């Protein structure tokens, strides 16, 4: 199926990265490109919308963790705006559900776990 992305700019320096498709070893390069594009804008917040990600494997997870480190270096907050069941299951299985909790676009933490 592949992976496609869209970068949306919001007020107050927020960037939303919307991903569609499979996030795995084969599409990790596309994911890395999408994240680099979003971080190049030096946002205060980078919100990931993974609600349309149908599958997530180790390759996608590895890029996600690498970009979290890059965001930290840029003092950019990285958080989930939304996550599909496949993404939530993978994050829980790897013990990362608490690291990237969903948040509302306004910047407040959402109720419930990732």
PDB file of N, CA and C in Angstrom:
ATOM      1  N   UNK A   1       0.815  -1.193   0.000  1.00  0.00           N
ATOM      2  CA  UNK A   1       0.000   0.000   0.000  1.00  0.00           C
ATOM      3  C   UNK A   1       0.857   1.254   0.000  1.00  0.00           C
ATOM      4  N   UNK A   2       1.997   1.248   0.670  1.00  0.00           N
ATOM      5  CA  UNK A   2       2.854   2.419   0.715  1.00  0.00           C
ATOM      6  C   UNK A   2       2.451   3.393   1.799  1.00  0.00           C
ATOM      7  N   UNK A   3       3.041   4.570   1.735  1.00  0.00           N
ATOM      8  CA  UNK A   3       2.815   5.597   2.746  1.00  0.00           C
ATOM      9  C   UNK A   3       2.796   6.954   2.064  1.00  0.00           C
ATOM     10  N   UNK A   4       1.832   7.778   2.432  1.00  0.00           N
ATOM     11  CA  UNK A   4       1.800   9.155   1.951  1.00  0.00           C
ATOM     12  C   UNK A   4       1.679  10.070   3.158  1.00  0.00           C
ATOM     13  N   UNK A   5       2.025  11.339   2.954  1.00  0.00           N
ATOM     14  CA  UNK A   5       1.962  12.269   4.076  1.00  0.00           C
ATOM     15  C   UNK A   5       1.537  13.650   3.626  1.00  0.00           C
ATOM     16  N   UNK A   6       1.043  14.414   4.583  1.00  0.00           N
ATOM     17  CA  UNK A   6       0.657  15.805   4.375  1.00  0.00           C
ATOM     18  C   UNK A   6       1.124  16.594   5.590  1.00  0.00           C
ATOM     19  N   UNK A   7       1.733  17.743   5.354  1.00  0.00           N
ATOM     20  CA  UNK A   7       2.181  18.619   6.435  1.00  0.00           C
ATOM     21  C   UNK A   7       1.229  19.803   6.494  1.00  0.00           C
ATOM     22  N   UNK A   8       0.634  20.018   7.660  1.00  0.00           N
ATOM     23  CA  UNK A   8      -0.301  21.127   7.866  1.00  0.00           C
ATOM     24  C   UNK A   8       0.279  22.071   8.904  1.00  0.00           C
ATOM     25  N   UNK A   9       0.241  23.359   8.605  1.00  0.00           N
ATOM     26  CA  UNK A   9       0.719  24.374   9.553  1.00  0.00           C
ATOM     27  C   UNK A   9      -0.465  24.937  10.323  1.00  0.00           C
ATOM     28  N   UNK A  10      -0.254  25.163  11.607  1.00  0.00           N
ATOM     29  CA  UNK A  10      -1.261  25.782  12.462  1.00  0.00           C
ATOM     30  C   UNK A  10      -0.654  27.012  13.110  1.00  0.00           C
ATOM     31  N   UNK A  11      -1.506  27.780  13.737  1.00  0.00           N
ATOM     32  CA  UNK A  11      -1.045  28.966  14.464  1.00  0.00           C
ATOM     33  C   UNK A  11      -0.127  28.548  15.605  1.00  0.00           C
ATOM     34  N   UNK A  12       0.596  29.493  16.128  1.00  0.00           N
ATOM     35  CA  UNK A  12       1.458  29.291  17.299  1.00  0.00           C
ATOM     36  C   UNK A  12       2.581  28.288  17.054  1.00  0.00           C
ATOM     37  N   UNK A  13       3.037  28.153  15.813  1.00  0.00           N
ATOM     38  CA  UNK A  13       4.185  27.308  15.539  1.00  0.00           C
ATOM     39  C   UNK A  13       3.926  25.821  15.541  1.00  0.00           C
ATOM     40  N   UNK A  14       2.667  25.411  15.496  1.00  0.00           N
ATOM     41  CA  UNK A  14       2.358  23.984  15.482  1.00  0.00           C
ATOM     42  C   UNK A  14       2.346  23.456  14.049  1.00  0.00           C
ATOM     43  N   UNK A  15       2.888  22.262  13.896  1.00  0.00           N
ATOM     44  CA  UNK A  15       2.856  21.547  12.626  1.00  0.00           C
ATOM     45  C   UNK A  15       2.177  20.208  12.887  1.00  0.00           C
ATOM     46  N   UNK A  16       1.254  19.846  12.003  1.00  0.00           N
ATOM     47  CA  UNK A  16       0.619  18.531  12.077  1.00  0.00           C
ATOM     48  C   UNK A  16       1.104  17.726  10.883  1.00  0.00           C
ATOM     49  N   UNK A  17       1.590  16.533  11.155  1.00  0.00           N
ATOM     50  CA  UNK A  17       2.025  15.615  10.109  1.00  0.00           C
ATOM     51  C   UNK A  17       1.000  14.491  10.039  1.00  0.00           C
ATOM     52  N   UNK A  18       0.265  14.434   8.946  1.00  0.00           N
ATOM     53  CA  UNK A  18      -0.768  13.424   8.732  1.00  0.00           C
ATOM     54  C   UNK A  18      -0.198  12.333   7.832  1.00  0.00           C
ATOM     55  N   UNK A  19      -0.191  11.107   8.325  1.00  0.00           N
ATOM     56  CA  UNK A  19       0.332   9.965   7.567  1.00  0.00           C
ATOM     57  C   UNK A  19      -0.804   9.027   7.198  1.00  0.00           C
ATOM     58  N   UNK A  20      -0.711   8.448   5.995  1.00  0.00           N
ATOM     59  CA  UNK A  20      -1.704   7.483   5.520  1.00  0.00           C
ATOM     60  C   UNK A  20      -0.974   6.264   4.966  1.00  0.00           C
ATOM     61  N   UNK A  21      -1.394   5.072   5.379  1.00  0.00           N
ATOM     62  CA  UNK A  21      -0.837   3.850   4.819  1.00  0.00           C
ATOM     63  C   UNK A  21      -0.086   3.023   5.838  1.00  0.00           C
ATOM     64  N   UNK A  22       0.881   2.265   5.349  1.00  0.00           N
ATOM     65  CA  UNK A  22       1.653   1.355   6.187  1.00  0.00           C
ATOM     66  C   UNK A  22       2.975   1.995   6.581  1.00  0.00           C
ATOM     67  N   UNK A  23       3.288   1.887   7.853  1.00  0.00           N
ATOM     68  CA  UNK A  23       4.513   2.464   8.401  1.00  0.00           C
ATOM     69  C   UNK A  23       5.405   1.306   8.834  1.00  0.00           C
ATOM     70  N   UNK A  24       6.313   0.904   7.929  1.00  0.00           N
ATOM     71  CA  UNK A  24       7.152  -0.262   8.187  1.00  0.00           C
ATOM     72  C   UNK A  24       8.540  -0.045   7.586  1.00  0.00           C
ATOM     73  N   UNK A  25       9.323  -1.106   7.499  1.00  0.00           N
ATOM     74  CA  UNK A  25      10.690  -1.007   6.984  1.00  0.00           C
ATOM     75  C   UNK A  25      10.723  -0.455   5.560  1.00  0.00           C
ATOM     76  N   UNK A  26       9.774  -0.874   4.734  1.00  0.00           N
ATOM     77  CA  UNK A  26       9.751  -0.439   3.336  1.00  0.00           C
ATOM     78  C   UNK A  26       9.401   1.037   3.182  1.00  0.00           C
ATOM     79  N   UNK A  27       8.624   1.588   4.116  1.00  0.00           N
ATOM     80  CA  UNK A  27       8.192   2.982   4.003  1.00  0.00           C
ATOM     81  C   UNK A  27       8.907   3.901   4.992  1.00  0.00           C
ATOM     82  N   UNK A  28       9.879   3.383   5.708  1.00  0.00           N
ATOM     83  CA  UNK A  28      10.594   4.186   6.711  1.00  0.00           C
ATOM     84  C   UNK A  28      11.260   5.406   6.075  1.00  0.00           C
ATOM     85  N   UNK A  29      11.753   5.272   4.855  1.00  0.00           N
ATOM     86  CA  UNK A  29      12.380   6.407   4.174  1.00  0.00           C
ATOM     87  C   UNK A  29      11.392   7.533   3.905  1.00  0.00           C
ATOM     88  N   UNK A  30      10.183   7.183   3.491  1.00  0.00           N
ATOM     89  CA  UNK A  30       9.134   8.181   3.267  1.00  0.00           C
ATOM     90  C   UNK A  30       8.765   8.852   4.578  1.00  0.00           C
ATOM     91  N   UNK A  31       8.669   8.064   5.650  1.00  0.00           N
ATOM     92  CA  UNK A  31       8.348   8.605   6.969  1.00  0.00           C
ATOM     93  C   UNK A  31       9.448   9.565   7.419  1.00  0.00           C
ATOM     94  N   UNK A  32      10.692   9.173   7.238  1.00  0.00           N
ATOM     95  CA  UNK A  32      11.817  10.033   7.616  1.00  0.00           C
ATOM     96  C   UNK A  32      11.772  11.338   6.824  1.00  0.00           C
ATOM     97  N   UNK A  33      11.474  11.269   5.532  1.00  0.00           N
ATOM     98  CA  UNK A  33      11.360  12.467   4.696  1.00  0.00           C
ATOM     99  C   UNK A  33      10.238  13.374   5.206  1.00  0.00           C
ATOM    100  N   UNK A  34       9.105  12.795   5.559  1.00  0.00           N
ATOM    101  CA  UNK A  34       7.975  13.577   6.066  1.00  0.00           C
ATOM    102  C   UNK A  34       8.341  14.288   7.361  1.00  0.00           C
ATOM    103  N   UNK A  35       9.000  13.582   8.250  1.00  0.00           N
ATOM    104  CA  UNK A  35       9.393  14.169   9.528  1.00  0.00           C
ATOM    105  C   UNK A  35      10.448  15.251   9.338  1.00  0.00           C
ATOM    106  N   UNK A  36      11.394  15.026   8.441  1.00  0.00           N
ATOM    107  CA  UNK A  36      12.419  16.039   8.176  1.00  0.00           C
ATOM    108  C   UNK A  36      11.790  17.301   7.590  1.00  0.00           C
ATOM    109  N   UNK A  37      10.811  17.120   6.705  1.00  0.00           N
ATOM    110  CA  UNK A  37      10.097  18.258   6.124  1.00  0.00           C
ATOM    111  C   UNK A  37       9.391  19.056   7.211  1.00  0.00           C
ATOM    112  N   UNK A  38       8.724  18.353   8.114  1.00  0.00           N
ATOM    113  CA  UNK A  38       7.991  19.021   9.193  1.00  0.00           C
ATOM    114  C   UNK A  38       8.942  19.719  10.162  1.00  0.00           C
ATOM    115  N   UNK A  39      10.029  19.068  10.541  1.00  0.00           N
ATOM    116  CA  UNK A  39      10.969  19.659  11.500  1.00  0.00           C
ATOM    117  C   UNK A  39      11.756  20.820  10.896  1.00  0.00           C
ATOM    118  N   UNK A  40      11.886  20.859   9.574  1.00  0.00           N
ATOM    119  CA  UNK A  40      12.608  21.952   8.924  1.00  0.00           C
ATOM    120  C   UNK A  40      11.928  23.300   9.152  1.00  0.00           C
ATOM    121  N   UNK A  41      10.646  23.268   9.494  1.00  0.00           N
ATOM    122  CA  UNK A  41       9.897  24.501   9.775  1.00  0.00           C
ATOM    123  C   UNK A  41      10.135  24.989  11.202  1.00  0.00           C
ATOM    124  N   UNK A  42      10.929  24.255  11.992  1.00  0.00           N
ATOM    125  CA  UNK A  42      11.228  24.584  13.385  1.00  0.00           C
ATOM    126  C   UNK A  42       9.961  24.876  14.191  1.00  0.00           C
ATOM    127  N   UNK A  43       9.042  23.915  14.213  1.00  0.00           N
ATOM    128  CA  UNK A  43       7.802  24.140  14.957  1.00  0.00           C
ATOM    129  C   UNK A  43       8.032  24.091  16.463  1.00  0.00           C
ATOM    130  N   UNK A  44       7.142  24.722  17.208  1.00  0.00           N
ATOM    131  CA  UNK A  44       7.187  24.582  18.663  1.00  0.00           C
ATOM    132  C   UNK A  44       6.587  23.240  19.058  1.00  0.00           C
ATOM    133  N   UNK A  45       5.598  22.793  18.301  1.00  0.00           N
ATOM    134  CA  UNK A  45       4.958  21.495  18.521  1.00  0.00           C
ATOM    135  C   UNK A  45       4.872  20.762  17.190  1.00  0.00           C
ATOM    136  N   UNK A  46       5.255  19.492  17.186  1.00  0.00           N
ATOM    137  CA  UNK A  46       5.049  18.630  16.031  1.00  0.00           C
ATOM    138  C   UNK A  46       4.049  17.574  16.458  1.00  0.00           C
ATOM    139  N   UNK A  47       2.862  17.651  15.891  1.00  0.00           N
ATOM    140  CA  UNK A  47       1.787  16.736  16.235  1.00  0.00           C
ATOM    141  C   UNK A  47       1.661  15.700  15.130  1.00  0.00           C
ATOM    142  N   UNK A  48       1.695  14.438  15.498  1.00  0.00           N
ATOM    143  CA  UNK A  48       1.580  13.355  14.532  1.00  0.00           C
ATOM    144  C   UNK A  48       0.151  12.849  14.512  1.00  0.00           C
ATOM    145  N   UNK A  49      -0.449  12.848  13.337  1.00  0.00           N
ATOM    146  CA  UNK A  49      -1.771  12.255  13.158  1.00  0.00           C
ATOM    147  C   UNK A  49      -1.552  10.930  12.445  1.00  0.00           C
ATOM    148  N   UNK A  50      -1.602   9.861  13.209  1.00  0.00           N
ATOM    149  CA  UNK A  50      -1.377   8.516  12.681  1.00  0.00           C
ATOM    150  C   UNK A  50      -2.684   7.731  12.637  1.00  0.00           C
ATOM    151  N   UNK A  51      -3.815   8.437  12.590  1.00  0.00           N
ATOM    152  CA  UNK A  51      -5.128   7.792  12.607  1.00  0.00           C
ATOM    153  C   UNK A  51      -5.397   6.994  11.337  1.00  0.00           C
ATOM    154  N   UNK A  52      -4.685   7.279  10.251  1.00  0.00           N
ATOM    155  CA  UNK A  52      -4.887   6.571   8.989  1.00  0.00           C
ATOM    156  C   UNK A  52      -3.745   5.609   8.678  1.00  0.00           C
ATOM    157  N   UNK A  53      -2.916   5.324   9.661  1.00  0.00           N
ATOM    158  CA  UNK A  53      -1.849   4.336   9.496  1.00  0.00           C
ATOM    159  C   UNK A  53      -2.455   2.962   9.742  1.00  0.00           C
ATOM    160  N   UNK A  54      -2.371   2.096   8.737  1.00  0.00           N
ATOM    161  CA  UNK A  54      -3.022   0.791   8.808  1.00  0.00           C
ATOM    162  C   UNK A  54      -2.149  -0.282   9.445  1.00  0.00           C
ATOM    163  N   UNK A  55      -0.843  -0.093   9.444  1.00  0.00           N
ATOM    164  CA  UNK A  55       0.083  -1.049  10.054  1.00  0.00           C
ATOM    165  C   UNK A  55       1.354  -0.303  10.433  1.00  0.00           C
ATOM    166  N   UNK A  56       1.975  -0.742  11.531  1.00  0.00           N
ATOM    167  CA  UNK A  56       3.220  -0.112  11.964  1.00  0.00           C
ATOM    168  C   UNK A  56       4.194  -1.201  12.384  1.00  0.00           C
ATOM    169  N   UNK A  57       5.368  -1.204  11.763  1.00  0.00           N
ATOM    170  CA  UNK A  57       6.384  -2.192  12.071  1.00  0.00           C
ATOM    171  C   UNK A  57       7.600  -1.567  12.725  1.00  0.00           C
ATOM    172  N   UNK A  58       8.622  -2.382  12.913  1.00  0.00           N
ATOM    173  CA  UNK A  58       9.838  -1.944  13.603  1.00  0.00           C
ATOM    174  C   UNK A  58      10.544  -0.806  12.870  1.00  0.00           C
ATOM    175  N   UNK A  59      10.533  -0.812  11.542  1.00  0.00           N
ATOM    176  CA  UNK A  59      11.190   0.252  10.785  1.00  0.00           C
ATOM    177  C   UNK A  59      10.563   1.608  11.043  1.00  0.00           C
ATOM    178  N   UNK A  60       9.252   1.667  11.025  1.00  0.00           N
ATOM    179  CA  UNK A  60       8.544   2.912  11.307  1.00  0.00           C
ATOM    180  C   UNK A  60       8.736   3.359  12.733  1.00  0.00           C
ATOM    181  N   UNK A  61       8.729   2.408  13.642  1.00  0.00           N
ATOM    182  CA  UNK A  61       8.936   2.720  15.050  1.00  0.00           C
ATOM    183  C   UNK A  61      10.339   3.279  15.274  1.00  0.00           C
ATOM    184  N   UNK A  62      11.328   2.716  14.588  1.00  0.00           N
ATOM    185  CA  UNK A  62      12.700   3.208  14.714  1.00  0.00           C
ATOM    186  C   UNK A  62      12.836   4.653  14.261  1.00  0.00           C
ATOM    187  N   UNK A  63      12.190   5.003  13.145  1.00  0.00           N
ATOM    188  CA  UNK A  63      12.238   6.386  12.672  1.00  0.00           C
ATOM    189  C   UNK A  63      11.509   7.298  13.651  1.00  0.00           C
ATOM    190  N   UNK A  64      10.393   6.840  14.181  1.00  0.00           N
ATOM    191  CA  UNK A  64       9.644   7.631  15.157  1.00  0.00           C
ATOM    192  C   UNK A  64      10.499   7.953  16.380  1.00  0.00           C
ATOM    193  N   UNK A  65      11.232   6.977  16.874  1.00  0.00           N
ATOM    194  CA  UNK A  65      12.096   7.202  18.035  1.00  0.00           C
ATOM    195  C   UNK A  65      13.262   8.129  17.686  1.00  0.00           C
ATOM    196  N   UNK A  66      13.813   7.988  16.479  1.00  0.00           N
ATOM    197  CA  UNK A  66      14.906   8.872  16.063  1.00  0.00           C
ATOM    198  C   UNK A  66      14.431  10.313  15.935  1.00  0.00           C
ATOM    199  N   UNK A  67      13.230  10.488  15.419  1.00  0.00           N
ATOM    200  CA  UNK A  67      12.730  11.850  15.261  1.00  0.00           C
ATOM    201  C   UNK A  67      12.348  12.449  16.609  1.00  0.00           C
ATOM    202  N   UNK A  68      11.975  11.615  17.554  1.00  0.00           N
ATOM    203  CA  UNK A  68      11.708  12.134  18.896  1.00  0.00           C
ATOM    204  C   UNK A  68      12.988  12.727  19.477  1.00  0.00           C
ATOM    205  N   UNK A  69      14.113  12.058  19.259  1.00  0.00           N
ATOM    206  CA  UNK A  69      15.396  12.592  19.734  1.00  0.00           C
ATOM    207  C   UNK A  69      15.749  13.896  19.011  1.00  0.00           C
ATOM    208  N   UNK A  70      15.518  13.930  17.695  1.00  0.00           N
ATOM    209  CA  UNK A  70      15.797  15.155  16.930  1.00  0.00           C
ATOM    210  C   UNK A  70      14.908  16.302  17.397  1.00  0.00           C
ATOM    211  N   UNK A  71      13.653  16.024  17.664  1.00  0.00           N
ATOM    212  CA  UNK A  71      12.733  17.056  18.155  1.00  0.00           C
ATOM    213  C   UNK A  71      13.197  17.578  19.509  1.00  0.00           C
ATOM    214  N   UNK A  72      13.657  16.682  20.364  1.00  0.00           N
ATOM    215  CA  UNK A  72      14.176  17.103  21.675  1.00  0.00           C
ATOM    216  C   UNK A  72      15.354  18.064  21.508  1.00  0.00           C
ATOM    217  N   UNK A  73      16.243  17.767  20.568  1.00  0.00           N
ATOM    218  CA  UNK A  73      17.402  18.631  20.335  1.00  0.00           C
ATOM    219  C   UNK A  73      16.983  20.010  19.835  1.00  0.00           C
ATOM    220  N   UNK A  74      15.880  20.066  19.091  1.00  0.00           N
ATOM    221  CA  UNK A  74      15.368  21.342  18.579  1.00  0.00           C
ATOM    222  C   UNK A  74      14.416  22.025  19.567  1.00  0.00           C
ATOM    223  N   UNK A  75      14.250  21.399  20.726  1.00  0.00           N
ATOM    224  CA  UNK A  75      13.301  21.895  21.737  1.00  0.00           C
ATOM    225  C   UNK A  75      11.890  22.001  21.177  1.00  0.00           C
ATOM    226  N   UNK A  76      11.545  21.013  20.399  1.00  0.00           N
ATOM    227  CA  UNK A  76      10.226  20.898  19.786  1.00  0.00           C
ATOM    228  C   UNK A  76       9.480  19.773  20.491  1.00  0.00           C
ATOM    229  N   UNK A  77       8.260  20.037  20.897  1.00  0.00           N
ATOM    230  CA  UNK A  77       7.462  18.997  21.553  1.00  0.00           C
ATOM    231  C   UNK A  77       6.858  18.098  20.482  1.00  0.00           C
ATOM    232  N   UNK A  78       7.073  16.799  20.605  1.00  0.00           N
ATOM    233  CA  UNK A  78       6.546  15.805  19.675  1.00  0.00           C
ATOM    234  C   UNK A  78       5.478  15.009  20.399  1.00  0.00           C
ATOM    235  N   UNK A  79       4.288  14.928  19.816  1.00  0.00           N
ATOM    236  CA  UNK A  79       3.199  14.188  20.453  1.00  0.00           C
ATOM    237  C   UNK A  79       2.237  13.675  19.398  1.00  0.00           C
ATOM    238  N   UNK A  80       1.477  12.676  19.776  1.00  0.00           N
ATOM    239  CA  UNK A  80       0.428  12.172  18.908  1.00  0.00           C
ATOM    240  C   UNK A  80      -0.793  13.063  19.018  1.00  0.00           C
ATOM    241  N   UNK A  81      -1.366  13.390  17.884  1.00  0.00           N
ATOM    242  CA  UNK A  81      -2.674  14.037  17.885  1.00  0.00           C
ATOM    243  C   UNK A  81      -3.738  12.952  17.810  1.00  0.00           C
ATOM    244  N   UNK A  82      -3.437  11.897  17.044  1.00  0.00           N
ATOM    245  CA  UNK A  82      -4.359  10.776  16.887  1.00  0.00           C
ATOM    246  C   UNK A  82      -3.555   9.554  16.466  1.00  0.00           C
ATOM    247  N   UNK A  83      -4.064   8.380  16.824  1.00  0.00           N
ATOM    248  CA  UNK A  83      -3.388   7.134  16.470  1.00  0.00           C
ATOM    249  C   UNK A  83      -4.423   6.065  16.143  1.00  0.00           C
ATOM    250  N   UNK A  84      -4.137   5.283  15.122  1.00  0.00           N
ATOM    251  CA  UNK A  84      -5.012   4.171  14.751  1.00  0.00           C
ATOM    252  C   UNK A  84      -4.831   3.040  15.762  1.00  0.00           C
ATOM    253  N   UNK A  85      -5.765   2.089  15.785  1.00  0.00           N
ATOM    254  CA  UNK A  85      -5.590   0.930  16.669  1.00  0.00           C
ATOM    255  C   UNK A  85      -4.272   0.194  16.417  1.00  0.00           C
ATOM    256  N   UNK A  86      -3.842   0.094  15.160  1.00  0.00           N
ATOM    257  CA  UNK A  86      -2.580  -0.598  14.848  1.00  0.00           C
ATOM    258  C   UNK A  86      -1.398   0.112  15.491  1.00  0.00           C
ATOM    259  N   UNK A  87      -1.399   1.436  15.459  1.00  0.00           N
ATOM    260  CA  UNK A  87      -0.310   2.211  16.063  1.00  0.00           C
ATOM    261  C   UNK A  87      -0.358   2.096  17.581  1.00  0.00           C
ATOM    262  N   UNK A  88      -1.536   2.254  18.156  1.00  0.00           N
ATOM    263  CA  UNK A  88      -1.663   2.142  19.620  1.00  0.00           C
ATOM    264  C   UNK A  88      -1.203   0.775  20.103  1.00  0.00           C
ATOM    265  N   UNK A  89      -1.592  -0.280  19.380  1.00  0.00           N
ATOM    266  CA  UNK A  89      -1.187  -1.636  19.768  1.00  0.00           C
ATOM    267  C   UNK A  89       0.327  -1.799  19.718  1.00  0.00           C
ATOM    268  N   UNK A  90       0.966  -1.277  18.674  1.00  0.00           N
ATOM    269  CA  UNK A  90       2.424  -1.390  18.543  1.00  0.00           C
ATOM    270  C   UNK A  90       3.135  -0.603  19.641  1.00  0.00           C
ATOM    271  N   UNK A  91       2.665   0.601  19.928  1.00  0.00           N
ATOM    272  CA  UNK A  91       3.280   1.400  20.991  1.00  0.00           C
ATOM    273  C   UNK A  91       3.132   0.714  22.344  1.00  0.00           C
ATOM    274  N   UNK A  92       1.967   0.148  22.602  1.00  0.00           N
ATOM    275  CA  UNK A  92       1.766  -0.581  23.870  1.00  0.00           C
ATOM    276  C   UNK A  92       2.673  -1.802  23.945  1.00  0.00           C
ATOM    277  N   UNK A  93       2.758  -2.554  22.849  1.00  0.00           N
ATOM    278  CA  UNK A  93       3.574  -3.770  22.827  1.00  0.00           C
ATOM    279  C   UNK A  93       5.045  -3.465  23.086  1.00  0.00           C
ATOM    280  N   UNK A  94       5.499  -2.291  22.666  1.00  0.00           N
ATOM    281  CA  UNK A  94       6.903  -1.894  22.849  1.00  0.00           C
ATOM    282  C   UNK A  94       7.127  -1.079  24.115  1.00  0.00           C
ATOM    283  N   UNK A  95       6.054  -0.855  24.892  1.00  0.00           N
ATOM    284  CA  UNK A  95       6.179  -0.091  26.129  1.00  0.00           C
ATOM    285  C   UNK A  95       6.358   1.399  25.913  1.00  0.00           C
ATOM    286  N   UNK A  96       5.872   1.914  24.779  1.00  0.00           N
ATOM    287  CA  UNK A  96       6.064   3.324  24.446  1.00  0.00           C
ATOM    288  C   UNK A  96       4.771   4.136  24.476  1.00  0.00           C
ATOM    289  N   UNK A  97       3.691   3.536  24.910  1.00  0.00           N
ATOM    290  CA  UNK A  97       2.398   4.229  24.889  1.00  0.00           C
ATOM    291  C   UNK A  97       2.419   5.499  25.727  1.00  0.00           C
ATOM    292  N   UNK A  98       3.136   5.504  26.834  1.00  0.00           N
ATOM    293  CA  UNK A  98       3.176   6.690  27.692  1.00  0.00           C
ATOM    294  C   UNK A  98       4.123   7.765  27.169  1.00  0.00           C
ATOM    295  N   UNK A  99       5.059   7.391  26.297  1.00  0.00           N
ATOM    296  CA  UNK A  99       6.026   8.357  25.769  1.00  0.00           C
ATOM    297  C   UNK A  99       5.415   9.308  24.748  1.00  0.00           C
ATOM    298  N   UNK A 100       4.430   8.844  24.020  1.00  0.00           N
ATOM    299  CA  UNK A 100       3.801   9.654  22.974  1.00  0.00           C
ATOM    300  C   UNK A 100       2.290   9.633  23.155  1.00  0.00           C
ATOM    301  N   UNK A 101       1.846  10.255  24.217  1.00  0.00           N
ATOM    302  CA  UNK A 101       0.407  10.299  24.488  1.00  0.00           C
ATOM    303  C   UNK A 101      -0.297  11.206  23.487  1.00  0.00           C
ATOM    304  N   UNK A 102      -1.521  10.830  23.097  1.00  0.00           N
ATOM    305  CA  UNK A 102      -2.303  11.724  22.245  1.00  0.00           C
ATOM    306  C   UNK A 102      -2.564  13.047  22.946  1.00  0.00           C
ATOM    307  N   UNK A 103      -2.651  14.098  22.167  1.00  0.00           N
ATOM    308  CA  UNK A 103      -2.979  15.405  22.717  1.00  0.00           C
ATOM    309  C   UNK A 103      -3.950  16.108  21.791  1.00  0.00           C
ATOM    310  N   UNK A 104      -4.703  17.027  22.344  1.00  0.00           N
ATOM    311  CA  UNK A 104      -5.621  17.830  21.536  1.00  0.00           C
ATOM    312  C   UNK A 104      -4.807  18.828  20.726  1.00  0.00           C
ATOM    313  N   UNK A 105      -5.331  19.256  19.546  1.00  0.00           N
ATOM    314  CA  UNK A 105      -4.606  20.239  18.747  1.00  0.00           C
ATOM    315  C   UNK A 105      -4.322  21.534  19.494  1.00  0.00           C
ATOM    316  N   UNK A 106      -5.122  21.861  20.512  1.00  0.00           N
ATOM    317  CA  UNK A 106      -4.898  23.089  21.274  1.00  0.00           C
ATOM    318  C   UNK A 106      -3.664  23.001  22.148  1.00  0.00           C
ATOM    319  N   UNK A 107      -3.122  21.780  22.330  1.00  0.00           N
ATOM    320  CA  UNK A 107      -1.910  21.606  23.114  1.00  0.00           C
ATOM    321  C   UNK A 107      -2.138  20.933  24.438  1.00  0.00           C
ATOM    322  N   UNK A 108      -3.386  20.704  24.826  1.00  0.00           N
ATOM    323  CA  UNK A 108      -3.665  20.025  26.082  1.00  0.00           C
ATOM    324  C   UNK A 108      -3.637  18.531  25.896  1.00  0.00           C
ATOM    325  N   UNK A 109      -3.255  17.805  26.930  1.00  0.00           N
ATOM    326  CA  UNK A 109      -3.209  16.349  26.843  1.00  0.00           C
ATOM    327  C   UNK A 109      -4.616  15.797  26.747  1.00  0.00           C
ATOM    328  N   UNK A 110      -4.789  14.780  25.938  1.00  0.00           N
ATOM    329  CA  UNK A 110      -6.087  14.139  25.805  1.00  0.00           C
ATOM    330  C   UNK A 110      -6.316  13.203  26.968  1.00  0.00           C
ATOM    331  N   UNK A 111      -7.552  12.927  27.233  1.00  0.00           N
ATOM    332  CA  UNK A 111      -7.882  11.966  28.280  1.00  0.00           C
ATOM    333  C   UNK A 111      -7.681  10.570  27.738  1.00  0.00           C
ATOM    334  N   UNK A 112      -7.219   9.665  28.569  1.00  0.00           N
ATOM    335  CA  UNK A 112      -7.034   8.282  28.156  1.00  0.00           C
ATOM    336  C   UNK A 112      -5.625   8.014  27.685  1.00  0.00           C
ATOM    337  N   UNK A 113      -5.314   6.742  27.548  1.00  0.00           N
ATOM    338  CA  UNK A 113      -3.975   6.328  27.131  1.00  0.00           C
ATOM    339  C   UNK A 113      -3.855   6.356  25.629  1.00  0.00           C
ATOM    340  N   UNK A 114      -2.644   6.265  25.160  1.00  0.00           N
ATOM    341  CA  UNK A 114      -2.336   6.298  23.724  1.00  0.00           C
ATOM    342  C   UNK A 114      -2.922   5.143  22.994  1.00  0.00           C
TER     343      UNK A 114
END
